[in-house]
Amino acid sequence: MTSPPGPEFLAGIRVDATWTRSRGAAVTFWHPHSHVPSENEAARIGMLAIAEGLGLRRGLDFPHTGRFIYDVAGTWAVDYGHPHDALSFEPGPQWPWAVRAGGGAIVAVSLDDEPRPTRQDRILTGWLALRKQAPHEWRHPR
């Protein structure tokens, strides 16, 4: 298992939070430096570690991971396996409603420099259940 990246890596991650009537809420994380040759490997390793920590699998099957997406006092975050930090994000106004109504969300990690890669082997996906209380291990969502 690769060690999960720390807060300095998280600062570079981009987020695309969407929802559809057919699939519900989805959030995709990607790193814009995935296309820069000198930074590609570090971005790929970091994003793979996040996907591994979330229990995601390659392709578009959206398996249940047994992991959670957190809504704690209006702060949205995922626990990607770091001992003290979480990956927090700010979705649009409709997205929280869709997650709460559906009891969770599809979560994806793109290995490309965009949220929707053309090849399925460049995205890892899964379904995370909604939880409204943060684990005690968190210092604070980041």
Foldseek 3Di string as FASTA:
>chain_A
DQAADDPVLLVQKDKDWDADPVAFIEMEIEGQCCPPVVCNVVRLSNLVLQCVLQQWAFFDPAAARAFAWEQEVNWTWGCSPHQAETRTDHYDPCRVVRLVVVQWYKYKYASHNDRDDPDRRRMTIHIHGYDHDDDPRYPDYD
